[in-house]
Amino acid sequence: MVGRAIPRRSLHSVLKKHKPQLRLSKDVHIMVHLNCLLFLHRLAVEARTKAVESKSSTIQPKHVKEVAKVVLKKSRG
């Protein structure tokens, strides 16, 4: 894993606080981590596309900001 994942107990308590009716498996932290990685990958791909469109060789913060709203809308379930 890249970096440190959120502790299982903390994640479980946050999810239960907002959605107490949810039944969570013991491996839900892995799924949340994978979803975060997929989101970041999608954001990076879209930002790279935006950087290429603006003829930039590197992804700059402005490219990420420009595509963040679109990626967030696509990521909603």
Protein backbone atom coordinates (compact mmCIF):
# COMPACT_ATOMS: atom_id res chain seq x y z
CA MET A 1 0.00 0.00 0.00
CA VAL A 2 1.11 3.52 -0.72
CA GLY A 3 1.09 5.72 2.35
CA ARG A 4 -0.88 4.87 5.45
CA ALA A 5 -4.50 3.82 5.37
CA ILE A 6 -7.02 5.18 7.85
CA PRO A 7 -7.37 2.90 10.90
CA ARG A 8 -10.21 0.40 10.53
CA ARG A 9 -11.92 1.38 13.78
CA SER A 10 -11.94 5.09 12.88
CA LEU A 11 -13.38 4.46 9.44
CA HIS A 12 -16.03 2.15 10.86
CA SER A 13 -17.12 4.73 13.45
CA VAL A 14 -17.30 7.53 10.84
CA LEU A 15 -19.42 5.43 8.50
CA LYS A 16 -21.72 4.30 11.30
CA LYS A 17 -22.14 7.88 12.51
CA HIS A 18 -23.45 9.05 9.12
CA LYS A 19 -25.26 5.87 8.06
CA PRO A 20 -26.15 3.84 11.17
CA GLN A 21 -28.36 1.43 9.20
CA LEU A 22 -25.44 0.17 7.09
CA ARG A 23 -24.11 -3.30 7.72
CA LEU A 24 -20.35 -3.20 7.23
CA SER A 25 -18.05 -6.14 6.66
CA LYS A 26 -14.73 -6.35 8.42
CA ASP A 27 -12.90 -5.59 5.15
CA VAL A 28 -14.75 -2.38 4.29
CA HIS A 29 -11.60 -0.32 4.88
CA ILE A 30 -9.94 -2.05 1.92
CA MET A 31 -12.82 -1.16 -0.39
CA VAL A 32 -12.76 2.47 0.75
CA HIS A 33 -9.02 2.62 0.16
CA LEU A 34 -9.38 1.14 -3.33
CA ASN A 35 -12.16 3.60 -4.19
CA CYS A 36 -9.92 6.49 -3.11
CA LEU A 37 -7.11 5.18 -5.31
CA LEU A 38 -9.46 4.83 -8.29
CA PHE A 39 -10.71 8.38 -7.76
CA LEU A 40 -7.17 9.75 -7.64
CA HIS A 41 -6.24 7.80 -10.76
CA ARG A 42 -9.25 9.17 -12.65
CA LEU A 43 -8.41 12.70 -11.47
CA ALA A 44 -4.80 12.31 -12.64
CA VAL A 45 -5.84 10.99 -16.06
CA GLU A 46 -8.29 13.84 -16.62
CA ALA A 47 -5.75 16.42 -15.42
CA ARG A 48 -3.14 14.95 -17.77
CA THR A 49 -5.60 15.25 -20.66
CA LYS A 50 -6.25 18.86 -19.73
CA ALA A 51 -2.52 19.56 -19.55
CA VAL A 52 -1.98 18.07 -23.03
CA GLU A 53 -4.85 20.19 -24.40
CA SER A 54 -3.16 23.32 -23.06
CA LYS A 55 0.19 22.18 -24.51
CA SER A 56 1.81 21.81 -21.12
CA SER A 57 4.35 19.09 -20.41
CA THR A 58 3.47 18.88 -16.71
CA ILE A 59 0.23 18.69 -14.77
CA GLN A 60 -0.21 21.93 -12.89
CA PRO A 61 -2.61 22.71 -10.03
CA LYS A 62 -4.82 24.69 -12.39
CA HIS A 63 -5.35 21.57 -14.52
CA VAL A 64 -6.45 19.57 -11.49
CA LYS A 65 -8.82 22.32 -10.37
CA GLU A 66 -10.38 22.56 -13.82
CA VAL A 67 -11.26 18.86 -13.97
CA ALA A 68 -12.01 18.22 -10.28
CA LYS A 69 -15.68 19.20 -10.49
CA VAL A 70 -16.32 16.96 -13.50
CA VAL A 71 -14.53 13.99 -11.91
CA LEU A 72 -16.45 14.46 -8.66
CA LYS A 73 -19.75 14.42 -10.54
CA LYS A 74 -18.75 11.24 -12.38
CA SER A 75 -17.68 9.59 -9.12
CA ARG A 76 -21.01 10.00 -7.37
CA GLY A 77 -22.99 6.83 -7.13
